[in-house]
PDB file of N, CA and C in Angstrom:
ATOM      1  N   MET A   1       0.815  -1.196   0.000  1.00  0.00           N
ATOM      2  CA  MET A   1       0.000   0.000   0.000  1.00  0.00           C
ATOM      3  C   MET A   1       0.863   1.267   0.000  1.00  0.00           C
ATOM      4  N   ALA A   2       1.993   1.185   0.680  1.00  0.00           N
ATOM      5  CA  ALA A   2       2.898   2.345   0.717  1.00  0.00           C
ATOM      6  C   ALA A   2       3.420   2.653  -0.680  1.00  0.00           C
ATOM      7  N   GLU A   3       3.628   1.608  -1.488  1.00  0.00           N
ATOM      8  CA  GLU A   3       4.110   1.798  -2.855  1.00  0.00           C
ATOM      9  C   GLU A   3       3.101   2.611  -3.672  1.00  0.00           C
ATOM     10  N   ILE A   4       1.816   2.314  -3.497  1.00  0.00           N
ATOM     11  CA  ILE A   4       0.778   3.026  -4.232  1.00  0.00           C
ATOM     12  C   ILE A   4       0.743   4.490  -3.804  1.00  0.00           C
ATOM     13  N   LYS A   5       0.793   4.726  -2.508  1.00  0.00           N
ATOM     14  CA  LYS A   5       0.765   6.099  -2.006  1.00  0.00           C
ATOM     15  C   LYS A   5       1.972   6.873  -2.523  1.00  0.00           C
ATOM     16  N   LYS A   6       3.115   6.236  -2.496  1.00  0.00           N
ATOM     17  CA  LYS A   6       4.342   6.865  -2.982  1.00  0.00           C
ATOM     18  C   LYS A   6       4.187   7.231  -4.463  1.00  0.00           C
ATOM     19  N   PHE A   7       3.626   6.311  -5.261  1.00  0.00           N
ATOM     20  CA  PHE A   7       3.421   6.557  -6.679  1.00  0.00           C
ATOM     21  C   PHE A   7       2.467   7.722  -6.891  1.00  0.00           C
ATOM     22  N   GLU A   8       1.340   7.692  -6.185  1.00  0.00           N
ATOM     23  CA  GLU A   8       0.339   8.746  -6.353  1.00  0.00           C
ATOM     24  C   GLU A   8       0.885  10.112  -5.947  1.00  0.00           C
ATOM     25  N   GLU A   9       1.660  10.153  -4.884  1.00  0.00           N
ATOM     26  CA  GLU A   9       2.263  11.411  -4.451  1.00  0.00           C
ATOM     27  C   GLU A   9       3.268  11.915  -5.485  1.00  0.00           C
ATOM     28  N   ALA A  10       4.076  11.010  -6.014  1.00  0.00           N
ATOM     29  CA  ALA A  10       5.067  11.395  -7.023  1.00  0.00           C
ATOM     30  C   ALA A  10       4.375  11.876  -8.294  1.00  0.00           C
ATOM     31  N   LEU A  11       3.333  11.180  -8.701  1.00  0.00           N
ATOM     32  CA  LEU A  11       2.606  11.573  -9.907  1.00  0.00           C
ATOM     33  C   LEU A  11       1.949  12.942  -9.726  1.00  0.00           C
ATOM     34  N   SER A  12       1.381  13.165  -8.566  1.00  0.00           N
ATOM     35  CA  SER A  12       0.747  14.455  -8.274  1.00  0.00           C
ATOM     36  C   SER A  12       1.783  15.584  -8.315  1.00  0.00           C
ATOM     37  N   GLU A  13       2.931  15.348  -7.697  1.00  0.00           N
ATOM     38  CA  GLU A  13       3.985  16.369  -7.717  1.00  0.00           C
ATOM     39  C   GLU A  13       4.500  16.592  -9.141  1.00  0.00           C
ATOM     40  N   LEU A  14       4.612  15.513  -9.907  1.00  0.00           N
ATOM     41  CA  LEU A  14       5.061  15.628 -11.294  1.00  0.00           C
ATOM     42  C   LEU A  14       4.082  16.483 -12.102  1.00  0.00           C
ATOM     43  N   GLU A  15       2.795  16.276 -11.905  1.00  0.00           N
ATOM     44  CA  GLU A  15       1.784  17.082 -12.600  1.00  0.00           C
ATOM     45  C   GLU A  15       1.929  18.559 -12.229  1.00  0.00           C
ATOM     46  N   THR A  16       2.215  18.834 -10.968  1.00  0.00           N
ATOM     47  CA  THR A  16       2.412  20.210 -10.517  1.00  0.00           C
ATOM     48  C   THR A  16       3.633  20.830 -11.184  1.00  0.00           C
ATOM     49  N   VAL A  17       4.711  20.054 -11.265  1.00  0.00           N
ATOM     50  CA  VAL A  17       5.941  20.540 -11.905  1.00  0.00           C
ATOM     51  C   VAL A  17       5.686  20.843 -13.379  1.00  0.00           C
ATOM     52  N   VAL A  18       4.978  19.959 -14.053  1.00  0.00           N
ATOM     53  CA  VAL A  18       4.699  20.163 -15.485  1.00  0.00           C
ATOM     54  C   VAL A  18       3.872  21.432 -15.687  1.00  0.00           C
ATOM     55  N   LYS A  19       2.836  21.612 -14.883  1.00  0.00           N
ATOM     56  CA  LYS A  19       2.008  22.822 -15.000  1.00  0.00           C
ATOM     57  C   LYS A  19       2.847  24.076 -14.771  1.00  0.00           C
ATOM     58  N   LYS A  20       3.741  24.011 -13.801  1.00  0.00           N
ATOM     59  CA  LYS A  20       4.602  25.161 -13.508  1.00  0.00           C
ATOM     60  C   LYS A  20       5.506  25.467 -14.696  1.00  0.00           C
ATOM     61  N   LEU A  21       6.067  24.402 -15.310  1.00  0.00           N
ATOM     62  CA  LEU A  21       6.974  24.585 -16.441  1.00  0.00           C
ATOM     63  C   LEU A  21       6.249  25.087 -17.686  1.00  0.00           C
ATOM     64  N   GLU A  22       4.951  24.866 -17.743  1.00  0.00           N
ATOM     65  CA  GLU A  22       4.178  25.368 -18.887  1.00  0.00           C
ATOM     66  C   GLU A  22       3.978  26.883 -18.808  1.00  0.00           C
ATOM     67  N   GLY A  23       4.240  27.444 -17.644  1.00  0.00           N
ATOM     68  CA  GLY A  23       4.087  28.884 -17.453  1.00  0.00           C
ATOM     69  C   GLY A  23       5.390  29.621 -17.720  1.00  0.00           C
ATOM     70  N   ASP A  24       5.422  30.846 -17.267  1.00  0.00           N
ATOM     71  CA  ASP A  24       6.592  31.700 -17.441  1.00  0.00           C
ATOM     72  C   ASP A  24       7.486  31.558 -16.216  1.00  0.00           C
ATOM     73  N   VAL A  25       8.545  30.770 -16.360  1.00  0.00           N
ATOM     74  CA  VAL A  25       9.446  30.471 -15.248  1.00  0.00           C
ATOM     75  C   VAL A  25      10.858  30.891 -15.636  1.00  0.00           C
ATOM     76  N   PRO A  26      11.578  31.541 -14.726  1.00  0.00           N
ATOM     77  CA  PRO A  26      12.974  31.885 -15.020  1.00  0.00           C
ATOM     78  C   PRO A  26      13.787  30.631 -15.359  1.00  0.00           C
ATOM     79  N   LEU A  27      14.764  30.792 -16.218  1.00  0.00           N
ATOM     80  CA  LEU A  27      15.534  29.654 -16.731  1.00  0.00           C
ATOM     81  C   LEU A  27      16.144  28.801 -15.628  1.00  0.00           C
ATOM     82  N   ASP A  28      16.805  29.413 -14.658  1.00  0.00           N
ATOM     83  CA  ASP A  28      17.460  28.616 -13.612  1.00  0.00           C
ATOM     84  C   ASP A  28      16.436  27.819 -12.798  1.00  0.00           C
ATOM     85  N   GLU A  29      15.283  28.413 -12.550  1.00  0.00           N
ATOM     86  CA  GLU A  29      14.219  27.716 -11.829  1.00  0.00           C
ATOM     87  C   GLU A  29      13.624  26.603 -12.695  1.00  0.00           C
ATOM     88  N   ALA A  30      13.480  26.872 -13.983  1.00  0.00           N
ATOM     89  CA  ALA A  30      12.942  25.873 -14.908  1.00  0.00           C
ATOM     90  C   ALA A  30      13.863  24.659 -14.989  1.00  0.00           C
ATOM     91  N   ILE A  31      15.153  24.883 -14.975  1.00  0.00           N
ATOM     92  CA  ILE A  31      16.116  23.773 -15.031  1.00  0.00           C
ATOM     93  C   ILE A  31      15.993  22.908 -13.780  1.00  0.00           C
ATOM     94  N   GLU A  32      15.908  23.545 -12.626  1.00  0.00           N
ATOM     95  CA  GLU A  32      15.753  22.789 -11.375  1.00  0.00           C
ATOM     96  C   GLU A  32      14.426  22.026 -11.362  1.00  0.00           C
ATOM     97  N   ASP A  33      13.364  22.663 -11.823  1.00  0.00           N
ATOM     98  CA  ASP A  33      12.067  21.989 -11.882  1.00  0.00           C
ATOM     99  C   ASP A  33      12.106  20.812 -12.858  1.00  0.00           C
ATOM    100  N   PHE A  34      12.791  21.015 -13.976  1.00  0.00           N
ATOM    101  CA  PHE A  34      12.910  19.940 -14.956  1.00  0.00           C
ATOM    102  C   PHE A  34      13.650  18.741 -14.360  1.00  0.00           C
ATOM    103  N   LYS A  35      14.737  19.012 -13.640  1.00  0.00           N
ATOM    104  CA  LYS A  35      15.485  17.933 -12.974  1.00  0.00           C
ATOM    105  C   LYS A  35      14.582  17.177 -12.002  1.00  0.00           C
ATOM    106  N   ARG A  36      13.806  17.925 -11.227  1.00  0.00           N
ATOM    107  CA  ARG A  36      12.887  17.285 -10.273  1.00  0.00           C
ATOM    108  C   ARG A  36      11.850  16.449 -11.025  1.00  0.00           C
ATOM    109  N   GLY A  37      11.362  16.964 -12.137  1.00  0.00           N
ATOM    110  CA  GLY A  37      10.399  16.223 -12.943  1.00  0.00           C
ATOM    111  C   GLY A  37      10.966  14.911 -13.462  1.00  0.00           C
ATOM    112  N   VAL A  38      12.217  14.931 -13.880  1.00  0.00           N
ATOM    113  CA  VAL A  38      12.881  13.710 -14.350  1.00  0.00           C
ATOM    114  C   VAL A  38      12.993  12.698 -13.212  1.00  0.00           C
ATOM    115  N   GLU A  39      13.375  13.165 -12.034  1.00  0.00           N
ATOM    116  CA  GLU A  39      13.478  12.273 -10.868  1.00  0.00           C
ATOM    117  C   GLU A  39      12.116  11.649 -10.548  1.00  0.00           C
ATOM    118  N   LEU A  40      11.081  12.469 -10.573  1.00  0.00           N
ATOM    119  CA  LEU A  40       9.738  11.973 -10.263  1.00  0.00           C
ATOM    120  C   LEU A  40       9.243  10.988 -11.318  1.00  0.00           C
ATOM    121  N   SER A  41       9.529  11.272 -12.578  1.00  0.00           N
ATOM    122  CA  SER A  41       9.088  10.357 -13.626  1.00  0.00           C
ATOM    123  C   SER A  41       9.813   9.013 -13.524  1.00  0.00           C
ATOM    124  N   LYS A  42      11.081   9.023 -13.142  1.00  0.00           N
ATOM    125  CA  LYS A  42      11.817   7.773 -12.920  1.00  0.00           C
ATOM    126  C   LYS A  42      11.192   6.983 -11.777  1.00  0.00           C
ATOM    127  N   LEU A  43      10.863   7.686 -10.693  1.00  0.00           N
ATOM    128  CA  LEU A  43      10.250   7.031  -9.547  1.00  0.00           C
ATOM    129  C   LEU A  43       8.913   6.393  -9.946  1.00  0.00           C
ATOM    130  N   CYS A  44       8.104   7.125 -10.705  1.00  0.00           N
ATOM    131  CA  CYS A  44       6.811   6.591 -11.166  1.00  0.00           C
ATOM    132  C   CYS A  44       7.015   5.377 -12.069  1.00  0.00           C
ATOM    133  N   PHE A  45       7.978   5.467 -12.979  1.00  0.00           N
ATOM    134  CA  PHE A  45       8.244   4.364 -13.891  1.00  0.00           C
ATOM    135  C   PHE A  45       8.674   3.112 -13.136  1.00  0.00           C
ATOM    136  N   GLU A  46       9.586   3.274 -12.186  1.00  0.00           N
ATOM    137  CA  GLU A  46      10.061   2.131 -11.410  1.00  0.00           C
ATOM    138  C   GLU A  46       8.934   1.516 -10.581  1.00  0.00           C
ATOM    139  N   SER A  47       8.085   2.353 -10.051  1.00  0.00           N
ATOM    140  CA  SER A  47       6.945   1.862  -9.273  1.00  0.00           C
ATOM    141  C   SER A  47       6.003   1.057 -10.158  1.00  0.00           C
ATOM    142  N   LEU A  48       5.709   1.572 -11.343  1.00  0.00           N
ATOM    143  CA  LEU A  48       4.833   0.855 -12.271  1.00  0.00           C
ATOM    144  C   LEU A  48       5.472  -0.452 -12.738  1.00  0.00           C
ATOM    145  N   LYS A  49       6.772  -0.415 -12.974  1.00  0.00           N
ATOM    146  CA  LYS A  49       7.482  -1.620 -13.397  1.00  0.00           C
ATOM    147  C   LYS A  49       7.421  -2.691 -12.314  1.00  0.00           C
ATOM    148  N   SER A  50       7.571  -2.280 -11.077  1.00  0.00           N
ATOM    149  CA  SER A  50       7.494  -3.208  -9.949  1.00  0.00           C
ATOM    150  C   SER A  50       6.097  -3.815  -9.831  1.00  0.00           C
ATOM    151  N   GLU A  51       5.091  -2.971  -9.942  1.00  0.00           N
ATOM    152  CA  GLU A  51       3.711  -3.454  -9.834  1.00  0.00           C
ATOM    153  C   GLU A  51       3.363  -4.364 -11.006  1.00  0.00           C
ATOM    154  N   LYS A  52       3.890  -4.069 -12.184  1.00  0.00           N
ATOM    155  CA  LYS A  52       3.645  -4.923 -13.350  1.00  0.00           C
ATOM    156  C   LYS A  52       4.185  -6.327 -13.090  1.00  0.00           C
ATOM    157  N   GLY A  53       5.375  -6.397 -12.506  1.00  0.00           N
ATOM    158  CA  GLY A  53       5.969  -7.697 -12.180  1.00  0.00           C
ATOM    159  C   GLY A  53       5.106  -8.476 -11.204  1.00  0.00           C
ATOM    160  N   LYS A  54       4.565  -7.791 -10.200  1.00  0.00           N
ATOM    161  CA  LYS A  54       3.696  -8.448  -9.229  1.00  0.00           C
ATOM    162  C   LYS A  54       2.426  -8.960  -9.901  1.00  0.00           C
ATOM    163  N   LEU A  55       1.868  -8.158 -10.786  1.00  0.00           N
ATOM    164  CA  LEU A  55       0.652  -8.568 -11.496  1.00  0.00           C
ATOM    165  C   LEU A  55       0.922  -9.767 -12.407  1.00  0.00           C
ATOM    166  N   GLU A  56       2.065  -9.764 -13.059  1.00  0.00           N
ATOM    167  CA  GLU A  56       2.409 -10.889 -13.931  1.00  0.00           C
ATOM    168  C   GLU A  56       2.510 -12.182 -13.127  1.00  0.00           C
ATOM    169  N   LEU A  57       3.086 -12.111 -11.928  1.00  0.00           N
ATOM    170  CA  LEU A  57       3.174 -13.301 -11.077  1.00  0.00           C
ATOM    171  C   LEU A  57       1.785 -13.794 -10.683  1.00  0.00           C
ATOM    172  N   LEU A  58       0.889 -12.872 -10.344  1.00  0.00           N
ATOM    173  CA  LEU A  58      -0.475 -13.257  -9.988  1.00  0.00           C
ATOM    174  C   LEU A  58      -1.199 -13.895 -11.161  1.00  0.00           C
ATOM    175  N   VAL A  59      -1.035 -13.333 -12.340  1.00  0.00           N
ATOM    176  CA  VAL A  59      -1.677 -13.888 -13.539  1.00  0.00           C
ATOM    177  C   VAL A  59      -1.125 -15.281 -13.833  1.00  0.00           C
ATOM    178  N   ASP A  60       0.173 -15.460 -13.680  1.00  0.00           N
ATOM    179  CA  ASP A  60       0.773 -16.779 -13.875  1.00  0.00           C
ATOM    180  C   ASP A  60       0.181 -17.797 -12.902  1.00  0.00           C
ATOM    181  N   ASP A  61       0.018 -17.379 -11.639  1.00  0.00           N
ATOM    182  CA  ASP A  61      -0.576 -18.267 -10.636  1.00  0.00           C
ATOM    183  C   ASP A  61      -2.010 -18.643 -11.016  1.00  0.00           C
ATOM    184  N   ILE A  62      -2.760 -17.671 -11.464  1.00  0.00           N
ATOM    185  CA  ILE A  62      -4.153 -17.934 -11.869  1.00  0.00           C
ATOM    186  C   ILE A  62      -4.181 -18.865 -13.074  1.00  0.00           C
ATOM    187  N   ASN A  63      -3.303 -18.644 -14.033  1.00  0.00           N
ATOM    188  CA  ASN A  63      -3.252 -19.504 -15.216  1.00  0.00           C
ATOM    189  C   ASN A  63      -2.901 -20.944 -14.843  1.00  0.00           C
ATOM    190  N   LYS A  64      -1.955 -21.114 -13.931  1.00  0.00           N
ATOM    191  CA  LYS A  64      -1.589 -22.464 -13.486  1.00  0.00           C
ATOM    192  C   LYS A  64      -2.761 -23.144 -12.791  1.00  0.00           C
ATOM    193  N   LEU A  65      -3.462 -22.387 -11.981  1.00  0.00           N
ATOM    194  CA  LEU A  65      -4.614 -22.930 -11.269  1.00  0.00           C
ATOM    195  C   LEU A  65      -5.708 -23.347 -12.251  1.00  0.00           C
ATOM    196  N   THR A  66      -5.982 -22.541 -13.237  1.00  0.00           N
ATOM    197  CA  THR A  66      -7.023 -22.890 -14.211  1.00  0.00           C
ATOM    198  C   THR A  66      -6.597 -24.084 -15.062  1.00  0.00           C
ATOM    199  N   GLU A  67      -5.312 -24.200 -15.332  1.00  0.00           N
ATOM    200  CA  GLU A  67      -4.815 -25.363 -16.076  1.00  0.00           C
ATOM    201  C   GLU A  67      -5.025 -26.633 -15.273  1.00  0.00           C
ATOM    202  N   GLU A  68      -4.836 -26.568 -13.962  1.00  0.00           N
ATOM    203  CA  GLU A  68      -5.062 -27.732 -13.109  1.00  0.00           C
ATOM    204  C   GLU A  68      -6.517 -28.172 -13.168  1.00  0.00           C
ATOM    205  N   PHE A  69      -7.426 -27.233 -13.224  1.00  0.00           N
ATOM    206  CA  PHE A  69      -8.842 -27.566 -13.320  1.00  0.00           C
ATOM    207  C   PHE A  69      -9.176 -28.201 -14.671  1.00  0.00           C
ATOM    208  N   LYS A  70      -8.492 -27.753 -15.715  1.00  0.00           N
ATOM    209  CA  LYS A  70      -8.739 -28.297 -17.056  1.00  0.00           C
ATOM    210  C   LYS A  70      -8.267 -29.754 -17.154  1.00  0.00           C
ATOM    211  N   LEU A  71      -7.212 -30.094 -16.411  1.00  0.00           N
ATOM    212  CA  LEU A  71      -6.670 -31.441 -16.471  1.00  0.00           C
ATOM    213  C   LEU A  71      -7.559 -32.449 -15.772  1.00  0.00           C
ATOM    214  N   ASP A  72      -8.307 -32.022 -14.782  1.00  0.00           N
ATOM    215  CA  ASP A  72      -9.144 -32.945 -14.012  1.00  0.00           C
ATOM    216  C   ASP A  72     -10.396 -33.339 -14.733  1.00  0.00           C
TER     217      ASP A  72
END
């Protein structure tokens, strides 16, 4: 559950950074915001990649279970 909260918080902050960068921001501030946005997008990507792996394991388990029922 902490992983989901972490993802949602990072995504929310990333959306805020993007909206800020769409406005009129001084260059030095825009560069720092862009760096933060890259960090947040990496965090979101890694979180999604981790969750995808967990889902794939669950699907594999379900497929094995259904195969056992088909054999009987």
